Amino acid sequence: MRRKAKGPAQDDSAARVWALAAHDLRQPVQAARLLAATLDCTCGRAELARSAQAIGSALDSLQEMLEALALLARVQTGLQVVALGPCDLAQALEPPLRELAAIAARRGIPLRLHKPQGVVRSHSKLLATAARGLFLNAVRFRDGNDVRISCRRARGQLTLEVEYGGATD
Protein backbone atom coordinates (compact mmCIF):
# COMPACT_ATOMS: atom_id res chain seq x y z
CA MET A 1 0.00 0.00 0.00
CA ARG A 2 1.33 3.42 -0.94
CA ARG A 3 1.04 6.37 1.35
CA LYS A 4 0.77 9.92 0.16
CA ALA A 5 3.27 12.37 1.50
CA LYS A 6 1.74 14.97 3.77
CA GLY A 7 1.70 18.50 2.53
CA PRO A 8 2.27 21.62 4.60
CA ALA A 9 -1.47 22.20 4.99
CA GLN A 10 -1.95 18.73 6.50
CA ASP A 11 0.97 19.27 8.89
CA ASP A 12 -0.49 22.63 9.99
CA SER A 13 -3.95 21.17 10.57
CA ALA A 14 -2.51 18.27 12.59
CA ALA A 15 -0.57 20.72 14.74
CA ARG A 16 -3.72 22.81 15.27
CA VAL A 17 -5.60 19.68 16.38
CA TRP A 18 -2.84 18.91 18.91
CA ALA A 19 -2.89 22.47 20.17
CA LEU A 20 -6.68 22.38 20.64
CA ALA A 21 -6.57 18.94 22.27
CA ALA A 22 -3.87 20.01 24.71
CA HIS A 23 -5.91 23.09 25.60
CA ASP A 24 -9.12 21.10 26.12
CA LEU A 25 -7.40 18.39 28.17
CA ARG A 26 -6.11 20.96 30.66
CA GLN A 27 -9.63 21.70 31.92
CA PRO A 28 -10.41 18.22 33.35
CA VAL A 29 -6.89 18.03 34.73
CA GLN A 30 -7.45 21.30 36.59
CA ALA A 31 -10.77 19.98 37.96
CA ALA A 32 -9.11 16.75 39.12
CA ARG A 33 -6.33 18.74 40.80
CA LEU A 34 -8.93 20.74 42.73
CA LEU A 35 -10.69 17.54 43.81
CA ALA A 36 -7.38 16.01 44.94
CA ALA A 37 -6.59 19.16 46.94
CA THR A 38 -10.05 19.02 48.53
CA LEU A 39 -9.58 15.36 49.43
CA ASP A 40 -6.17 16.16 50.91
CA CYS A 41 -7.62 18.93 53.10
CA THR A 42 -10.76 17.10 54.26
CA CYS A 43 -9.54 13.60 55.01
CA GLY A 44 -8.16 12.83 58.43
CA ARG A 45 -6.38 9.56 57.77
CA ALA A 46 -2.72 9.79 56.82
CA GLU A 47 -3.04 7.08 54.14
CA LEU A 48 -5.82 8.95 52.35
CA ALA A 49 -3.87 12.19 52.59
CA ARG A 50 -0.81 10.53 51.02
CA SER A 51 -3.00 9.13 48.24
CA ALA A 52 -4.49 12.56 47.60
CA GLN A 53 -1.00 14.07 47.44
CA ALA A 54 0.14 11.36 45.01
CA ILE A 55 -2.89 12.04 42.81
CA GLY A 56 -2.12 15.75 42.89
CA SER A 57 1.52 15.13 41.99
CA ALA A 58 0.56 12.89 39.06
CA LEU A 59 -1.88 15.51 37.82
CA ASP A 60 0.79 18.21 38.12
CA SER A 61 3.04 16.09 35.89
CA LEU A 62 0.23 15.50 33.41
CA GLN A 63 -0.49 19.22 33.28
CA GLU A 64 3.19 20.00 32.64
CA MET A 65 3.24 17.45 29.79
CA LEU A 66 0.08 18.93 28.26
CA GLU A 67 1.55 22.42 28.45
CA ALA A 68 4.71 21.18 26.72
CA LEU A 69 2.56 19.50 24.05
CA ALA A 70 0.65 22.72 23.49
CA LEU A 71 3.94 24.63 23.25
CA LEU A 72 5.30 22.17 20.68
CA ALA A 73 2.10 22.47 18.63
CA ARG A 74 2.30 26.29 18.70
CA VAL A 75 5.95 26.13 17.64
CA GLN A 76 5.15 23.70 14.82
CA THR A 77 2.40 25.95 13.45
CA GLY A 78 4.60 29.02 13.72
CA LEU A 79 2.35 30.64 16.31
CA GLN A 80 5.20 30.77 18.79
CA VAL A 81 8.96 30.85 18.62
CA VAL A 82 10.89 28.95 21.28
CA ALA A 83 13.36 31.26 22.91
CA LEU A 84 16.44 29.39 24.03
CA GLY A 85 18.30 30.87 26.93
CA PRO A 86 20.15 30.08 30.11
CA CYS A 87 18.49 27.13 31.81
CA ASP A 88 19.47 25.93 35.29
CA LEU A 89 19.60 22.12 35.09
CA ALA A 90 18.80 21.51 38.75
CA GLN A 91 15.70 23.70 38.57
CA ALA A 92 14.46 22.41 35.19
CA LEU A 93 14.99 18.74 36.04
CA GLU A 94 13.70 18.83 39.62
CA PRO A 95 10.04 17.96 38.78
CA PRO A 96 10.83 14.93 36.56
CA LEU A 97 13.51 13.75 39.02
CA ARG A 98 11.02 13.99 41.91
CA GLU A 99 8.51 11.99 39.85
CA LEU A 100 11.15 9.40 39.00
CA ALA A 101 12.18 9.04 42.67
CA ALA A 102 8.56 8.40 43.69
CA ILE A 103 8.02 5.78 40.98
CA ALA A 104 11.34 4.06 41.72
CA ALA A 105 10.54 3.96 45.46
CA ARG A 106 7.09 2.43 44.84
CA ARG A 107 8.62 -0.26 42.63
CA GLY A 108 11.57 -0.94 44.92
CA ILE A 109 14.08 0.16 42.30
CA PRO A 110 17.35 1.53 43.68
CA LEU A 111 17.95 4.99 42.26
CA ARG A 112 21.46 6.41 42.17
CA LEU A 113 21.15 10.07 41.49
CA HIS A 114 23.87 12.65 41.12
CA LYS A 115 21.76 15.77 40.75
CA PRO A 116 22.66 17.60 37.55
CA GLN A 117 24.24 20.97 38.23
CA GLY A 118 25.03 23.74 35.79
CA VAL A 119 23.48 26.07 33.29
CA VAL A 120 22.79 25.12 29.68
CA ARG A 121 21.27 26.93 26.71
CA SER A 122 17.83 25.40 26.32
CA HIS A 123 14.11 25.83 27.01
CA SER A 124 13.31 24.64 30.54
CA LYS A 125 9.86 23.10 29.84
CA LEU A 126 10.98 21.28 26.73
CA LEU A 127 14.14 20.05 28.48
CA ALA A 128 12.06 18.76 31.41
CA THR A 129 9.65 16.99 29.04
CA ALA A 130 12.46 15.25 27.16
CA ALA A 131 14.20 14.26 30.41
CA ARG A 132 10.94 12.92 31.88
CA GLY A 133 10.62 10.56 28.94
CA LEU A 134 14.18 9.31 29.39
CA PHE A 135 13.73 8.87 33.14
CA LEU A 136 10.45 6.97 32.84
CA ASN A 137 11.87 4.71 30.12
CA ALA A 138 14.83 3.93 32.38
CA VAL A 139 12.46 2.68 35.09
CA ARG A 140 10.17 0.91 32.64
CA PHE A 141 12.81 -0.89 30.57
CA ARG A 142 15.63 -1.45 33.04
CA ASP A 143 17.47 -4.75 32.79
CA GLY A 144 19.65 -4.39 35.87
CA ASN A 145 19.04 -3.66 39.48
CA ASP A 146 19.21 0.10 39.53
CA VAL A 147 18.81 3.31 37.59
CA ARG A 148 21.64 5.84 37.58
CA ILE A 149 21.34 9.48 36.54
CA SER A 150 24.27 11.83 36.37
CA CYS A 151 25.59 14.83 34.52
CA ARG A 152 29.07 14.80 32.99
CA ARG A 153 31.04 17.86 32.00
CA ALA A 154 33.57 17.57 29.16
CA ARG A 155 35.02 20.17 26.78
CA GLY A 156 32.54 22.87 27.75
CA GLN A 157 29.55 20.55 27.25
CA LEU A 158 27.19 19.02 29.82
CA THR A 159 25.88 15.54 29.11
CA LEU A 160 22.90 14.15 31.00
CA GLU A 161 23.38 10.40 31.40
CA VAL A 162 20.60 7.97 32.21
CA GLU A 163 21.84 4.42 32.81
CA TYR A 164 19.76 1.35 33.40
CA GLY A 165 20.90 -2.24 33.19
CA GLY A 166 24.21 -1.25 31.65
CA ALA A 167 22.65 0.85 28.86
CA THR A 168 23.12 4.60 28.60
CA ASP A 169 20.69 7.06 26.95
C-alpha atoms as a PDB file:
ATOM      1  CA  MET A   1       0.000   0.000   0.000  1.00  0.00           C
ATOM      2  CA  ARG A   2       1.334   3.418  -0.939  1.00  0.00           C
ATOM      3  CA  ARG A   3       1.038   6.367   1.349  1.00  0.00           C
ATOM      4  CA  LYS A   4       0.766   9.919   0.161  1.00  0.00           C
ATOM      5  CA  ALA A   5       3.269  12.375   1.498  1.00  0.00           C
ATOM      6  CA  LYS A   6       1.738  14.969   3.765  1.00  0.00           C
ATOM      7  CA  GLY A   7       1.696  18.499   2.525  1.00  0.00           C
ATOM      8  CA  PRO A   8       2.270  21.621   4.603  1.00  0.00           C
ATOM      9  CA  ALA A   9      -1.474  22.203   4.992  1.00  0.00           C
ATOM     10  CA  GLN A  10      -1.952  18.730   6.497  1.00  0.00           C
ATOM     11  CA  ASP A  11       0.967  19.268   8.887  1.00  0.00           C
ATOM     12  CA  ASP A  12      -0.487  22.629   9.993  1.00  0.00           C
ATOM     13  CA  SER A  13      -3.950  21.167  10.565  1.00  0.00           C
ATOM     14  CA  ALA A  14      -2.507  18.273  12.588  1.00  0.00           C
ATOM     15  CA  ALA A  15      -0.566  20.724  14.740  1.00  0.00           C
ATOM     16  CA  ARG A  16      -3.715  22.807  15.270  1.00  0.00           C
ATOM     17  CA  VAL A  17      -5.602  19.679  16.385  1.00  0.00           C
ATOM     18  CA  TRP A  18      -2.837  18.908  18.906  1.00  0.00           C
ATOM     19  CA  ALA A  19      -2.891  22.474  20.174  1.00  0.00           C
ATOM     20  CA  LEU A  20      -6.680  22.383  20.644  1.00  0.00           C
ATOM     21  CA  ALA A  21      -6.567  18.940  22.267  1.00  0.00           C
ATOM     22  CA  ALA A  22      -3.875  20.009  24.707  1.00  0.00           C
ATOM     23  CA  HIS A  23      -5.915  23.091  25.598  1.00  0.00           C
ATOM     24  CA  ASP A  24      -9.124  21.104  26.116  1.00  0.00           C
ATOM     25  CA  LEU A  25      -7.401  18.392  28.169  1.00  0.00           C
ATOM     26  CA  ARG A  26      -6.106  20.961  30.655  1.00  0.00           C
ATOM     27  CA  GLN A  27      -9.625  21.696  31.916  1.00  0.00           C
ATOM     28  CA  PRO A  28     -10.413  18.224  33.348  1.00  0.00           C
ATOM     29  CA  VAL A  29      -6.888  18.033  34.733  1.00  0.00           C
ATOM     30  CA  GLN A  30      -7.453  21.304  36.595  1.00  0.00           C
ATOM     31  CA  ALA A  31     -10.769  19.981  37.960  1.00  0.00           C
ATOM     32  CA  ALA A  32      -9.114  16.745  39.122  1.00  0.00           C
ATOM     33  CA  ARG A  33      -6.328  18.741  40.804  1.00  0.00           C
ATOM     34  CA  LEU A  34      -8.927  20.744  42.732  1.00  0.00           C
ATOM     35  CA  LEU A  35     -10.686  17.540  43.812  1.00  0.00           C
ATOM     36  CA  ALA A  36      -7.376  16.006  44.939  1.00  0.00           C
ATOM     37  CA  ALA A  37      -6.589  19.155  46.939  1.00  0.00           C
ATOM     38  CA  THR A  38     -10.050  19.025  48.531  1.00  0.00           C
ATOM     39  CA  LEU A  39      -9.578  15.361  49.435  1.00  0.00           C
ATOM     40  CA  ASP A  40      -6.167  16.160  50.907  1.00  0.00           C
ATOM     41  CA  CYS A  41      -7.623  18.928  53.101  1.00  0.00           C
ATOM     42  CA  THR A  42     -10.762  17.105  54.255  1.00  0.00           C
ATOM     43  CA  CYS A  43      -9.544  13.604  55.012  1.00  0.00           C
ATOM     44  CA  GLY A  44      -8.155  12.826  58.425  1.00  0.00           C
ATOM     45  CA  ARG A  45      -6.377   9.565  57.771  1.00  0.00           C
ATOM     46  CA  ALA A  46      -2.717   9.789  56.820  1.00  0.00           C
ATOM     47  CA  GLU A  47      -3.035   7.082  54.141  1.00  0.00           C
ATOM     48  CA  LEU A  48      -5.820   8.954  52.349  1.00  0.00           C
ATOM     49  CA  ALA A  49      -3.869  12.195  52.587  1.00  0.00           C
ATOM     50  CA  ARG A  50      -0.808  10.530  51.023  1.00  0.00           C
ATOM     51  CA  SER A  51      -2.999   9.132  48.245  1.00  0.00           C
ATOM     52  CA  ALA A  52      -4.487  12.563  47.598  1.00  0.00           C
ATOM     53  CA  GLN A  53      -1.003  14.074  47.444  1.00  0.00           C
ATOM     54  CA  ALA A  54       0.139  11.355  45.011  1.00  0.00           C
ATOM     55  CA  ILE A  55      -2.895  12.045  42.807  1.00  0.00           C
ATOM     56  CA  GLY A  56      -2.119  15.748  42.887  1.00  0.00           C
ATOM     57  CA  SER A  57       1.520  15.126  41.991  1.00  0.00           C
ATOM     58  CA  ALA A  58       0.564  12.892  39.064  1.00  0.00           C
ATOM     59  CA  LEU A  59      -1.881  15.512  37.821  1.00  0.00           C
ATOM     60  CA  ASP A  60       0.790  18.209  38.117  1.00  0.00           C
ATOM     61  CA  SER A  61       3.044  16.091  35.891  1.00  0.00           C
ATOM     62  CA  LEU A  62       0.232  15.496  33.411  1.00  0.00           C
ATOM     63  CA  GLN A  63      -0.488  19.222  33.283  1.00  0.00           C
ATOM     64  CA  GLU A  64       3.188  19.999  32.639  1.00  0.00           C
ATOM     65  CA  MET A  65       3.237  17.455  29.794  1.00  0.00           C
ATOM     66  CA  LEU A  66       0.081  18.931  28.262  1.00  0.00           C
ATOM     67  CA  GLU A  67       1.553  22.419  28.450  1.00  0.00           C
ATOM     68  CA  ALA A  68       4.712  21.184  26.719  1.00  0.00           C
ATOM     69  CA  LEU A  69       2.563  19.497  24.050  1.00  0.00           C
ATOM     70  CA  ALA A  70       0.654  22.720  23.489  1.00  0.00           C
ATOM     71  CA  LEU A  71       3.937  24.628  23.252  1.00  0.00           C
ATOM     72  CA  LEU A  72       5.301  22.170  20.679  1.00  0.00           C
ATOM     73  CA  ALA A  73       2.102  22.472  18.634  1.00  0.00           C
ATOM     74  CA  ARG A  74       2.301  26.286  18.700  1.00  0.00           C
ATOM     75  CA  VAL A  75       5.947  26.125  17.636  1.00  0.00           C
ATOM     76  CA  GLN A  76       5.150  23.696  14.818  1.00  0.00           C
ATOM     77  CA  THR A  77       2.402  25.945  13.448  1.00  0.00           C
ATOM     78  CA  GLY A  78       4.596  29.015  13.715  1.00  0.00           C
ATOM     79  CA  LEU A  79       2.349  30.644  16.306  1.00  0.00           C
ATOM     80  CA  GLN A  80       5.198  30.768  18.791  1.00  0.00           C
ATOM     81  CA  VAL A  81       8.959  30.847  18.621  1.00  0.00           C
ATOM     82  CA  VAL A  82      10.894  28.953  21.280  1.00  0.00           C
ATOM     83  CA  ALA A  83      13.362  31.256  22.912  1.00  0.00           C
ATOM     84  CA  LEU A  84      16.441  29.392  24.030  1.00  0.00           C
ATOM     85  CA  GLY A  85      18.305  30.870  26.931  1.00  0.00           C
ATOM     86  CA  PRO A  86      20.153  30.082  30.111  1.00  0.00           C
ATOM     87  CA  CYS A  87      18.486  27.132  31.813  1.00  0.00           C
ATOM     88  CA  ASP A  88      19.468  25.927  35.289  1.00  0.00           C
ATOM     89  CA  LEU A  89      19.598  22.121  35.089  1.00  0.00           C
ATOM     90  CA  ALA A  90      18.803  21.505  38.750  1.00  0.00           C
ATOM     91  CA  GLN A  91      15.698  23.698  38.567  1.00  0.00           C
ATOM     92  CA  ALA A  92      14.458  22.413  35.189  1.00  0.00           C
ATOM     93  CA  LEU A  93      14.991  18.737  36.044  1.00  0.00           C
ATOM     94  CA  GLU A  94      13.697  18.834  39.622  1.00  0.00           C
ATOM     95  CA  PRO A  95      10.043  17.957  38.777  1.00  0.00           C
ATOM     96  CA  PRO A  96      10.833  14.934  36.561  1.00  0.00           C
ATOM     97  CA  LEU A  97      13.509  13.753  39.019  1.00  0.00           C
ATOM     98  CA  ARG A  98      11.017  13.989  41.910  1.00  0.00           C
ATOM     99  CA  GLU A  99       8.506  11.993  39.854  1.00  0.00           C
ATOM    100  CA  LEU A 100      11.153   9.395  39.001  1.00  0.00           C
ATOM    101  CA  ALA A 101      12.178   9.037  42.671  1.00  0.00           C
ATOM    102  CA  ALA A 102       8.562   8.404  43.693  1.00  0.00           C
ATOM    103  CA  ILE A 103       8.022   5.778  40.981  1.00  0.00           C
ATOM    104  CA  ALA A 104      11.340   4.062  41.715  1.00  0.00           C
ATOM    105  CA  ALA A 105      10.537   3.958  45.462  1.00  0.00           C
ATOM    106  CA  ARG A 106       7.088   2.429  44.841  1.00  0.00           C
ATOM    107  CA  ARG A 107       8.622  -0.261  42.625  1.00  0.00           C
ATOM    108  CA  GLY A 108      11.565  -0.942  44.923  1.00  0.00           C
ATOM    109  CA  ILE A 109      14.083   0.160  42.304  1.00  0.00           C
ATOM    110  CA  PRO A 110      17.346   1.531  43.685  1.00  0.00           C
ATOM    111  CA  LEU A 111      17.954   4.989  42.257  1.00  0.00           C
ATOM    112  CA  ARG A 112      21.465   6.408  42.166  1.00  0.00           C
ATOM    113  CA  LEU A 113      21.147  10.071  41.494  1.00  0.00           C
ATOM    114  CA  HIS A 114      23.867  12.650  41.122  1.00  0.00           C
ATOM    115  CA  LYS A 115      21.759  15.765  40.745  1.00  0.00           C
ATOM    116  CA  PRO A 116      22.657  17.599  37.554  1.00  0.00           C
ATOM    117  CA  GLN A 117      24.237  20.972  38.234  1.00  0.00           C
ATOM    118  CA  GLY A 118      25.032  23.736  35.792  1.00  0.00           C
ATOM    119  CA  VAL A 119      23.480  26.074  33.292  1.00  0.00           C
ATOM    120  CA  VAL A 120      22.794  25.117  29.675  1.00  0.00           C
ATOM    121  CA  ARG A 121      21.271  26.930  26.706  1.00  0.00           C
ATOM    122  CA  SER A 122      17.826  25.397  26.321  1.00  0.00           C
ATOM    123  CA  HIS A 123      14.112  25.833  27.011  1.00  0.00           C
ATOM    124  CA  SER A 124      13.306  24.640  30.536  1.00  0.00           C
ATOM    125  CA  LYS A 125       9.865  23.105  29.836  1.00  0.00           C
ATOM    126  CA  LEU A 126      10.979  21.277  26.726  1.00  0.00           C
ATOM    127  CA  LEU A 127      14.138  20.048  28.483  1.00  0.00           C
ATOM    128  CA  ALA A 128      12.056  18.758  31.410  1.00  0.00           C
ATOM    129  CA  THR A 129       9.653  16.994  29.039  1.00  0.00           C
ATOM    130  CA  ALA A 130      12.463  15.246  27.163  1.00  0.00           C
ATOM    131  CA  ALA A 131      14.197  14.259  30.414  1.00  0.00           C
ATOM    132  CA  ARG A 132      10.935  12.924  31.881  1.00  0.00           C
ATOM    133  CA  GLY A 133      10.621  10.556  28.941  1.00  0.00           C
ATOM    134  CA  LEU A 134      14.183   9.308  29.389  1.00  0.00           C
ATOM    135  CA  PHE A 135      13.725   8.868  33.138  1.00  0.00           C
ATOM    136  CA  LEU A 136      10.453   6.971  32.837  1.00  0.00           C
ATOM    137  CA  ASN A 137      11.866   4.712  30.123  1.00  0.00           C
ATOM    138  CA  ALA A 138      14.826   3.927  32.380  1.00  0.00           C
ATOM    139  CA  VAL A 139      12.457   2.680  35.093  1.00  0.00           C
ATOM    140  CA  ARG A 140      10.170   0.914  32.642  1.00  0.00           C
ATOM    141  CA  PHE A 141      12.812  -0.890  30.572  1.00  0.00           C
ATOM    142  CA  ARG A 142      15.630  -1.446  33.039  1.00  0.00           C
ATOM    143  CA  ASP A 143      17.475  -4.755  32.792  1.00  0.00           C
ATOM    144  CA  GLY A 144      19.645  -4.390  35.869  1.00  0.00           C
ATOM    145  CA  ASN A 145      19.041  -3.663  39.484  1.00  0.00           C
ATOM    146  CA  ASP A 146      19.212   0.096  39.532  1.00  0.00           C
ATOM    147  CA  VAL A 147      18.812   3.307  37.589  1.00  0.00           C
ATOM    148  CA  ARG A 148      21.643   5.843  37.576  1.00  0.00           C
ATOM    149  CA  ILE A 149      21.341   9.476  36.540  1.00  0.00           C
ATOM    150  CA  SER A 150      24.273  11.830  36.368  1.00  0.00           C
ATOM    151  CA  CYS A 151      25.593  14.826  34.517  1.00  0.00           C
ATOM    152  CA  ARG A 152      29.066  14.799  32.989  1.00  0.00           C
ATOM    153  CA  ARG A 153      31.043  17.865  31.999  1.00  0.00           C
ATOM    154  CA  ALA A 154      33.566  17.568  29.156  1.00  0.00           C
ATOM    155  CA  ARG A 155      35.020  20.166  26.783  1.00  0.00           C
ATOM    156  CA  GLY A 156      32.537  22.868  27.754  1.00  0.00           C
ATOM    157  CA  GLN A 157      29.554  20.552  27.254  1.00  0.00           C
ATOM    158  CA  LEU A 158      27.194  19.024  29.817  1.00  0.00           C
ATOM    159  CA  THR A 159      25.884  15.544  29.109  1.00  0.00           C
ATOM    160  CA  LEU A 160      22.903  14.146  30.996  1.00  0.00           C
ATOM    161  CA  GLU A 161      23.382  10.398  31.401  1.00  0.00           C
ATOM    162  CA  VAL A 162      20.599   7.970  32.211  1.00  0.00           C
ATOM    163  CA  GLU A 163      21.836   4.422  32.806  1.00  0.00           C
ATOM    164  CA  TYR A 164      19.763   1.349  33.398  1.00  0.00           C
ATOM    165  CA  GLY A 165      20.905  -2.244  33.193  1.00  0.00           C
ATOM    166  CA  GLY A 166      24.208  -1.251  31.652  1.00  0.00           C
ATOM    167  CA  ALA A 167      22.648   0.853  28.859  1.00  0.00           C
ATOM    168  CA  THR A 168      23.121   4.602  28.598  1.00  0.00           C
ATOM    169  CA  ASP A 169      20.690   7.065  26.953  1.00  0.00           C
END
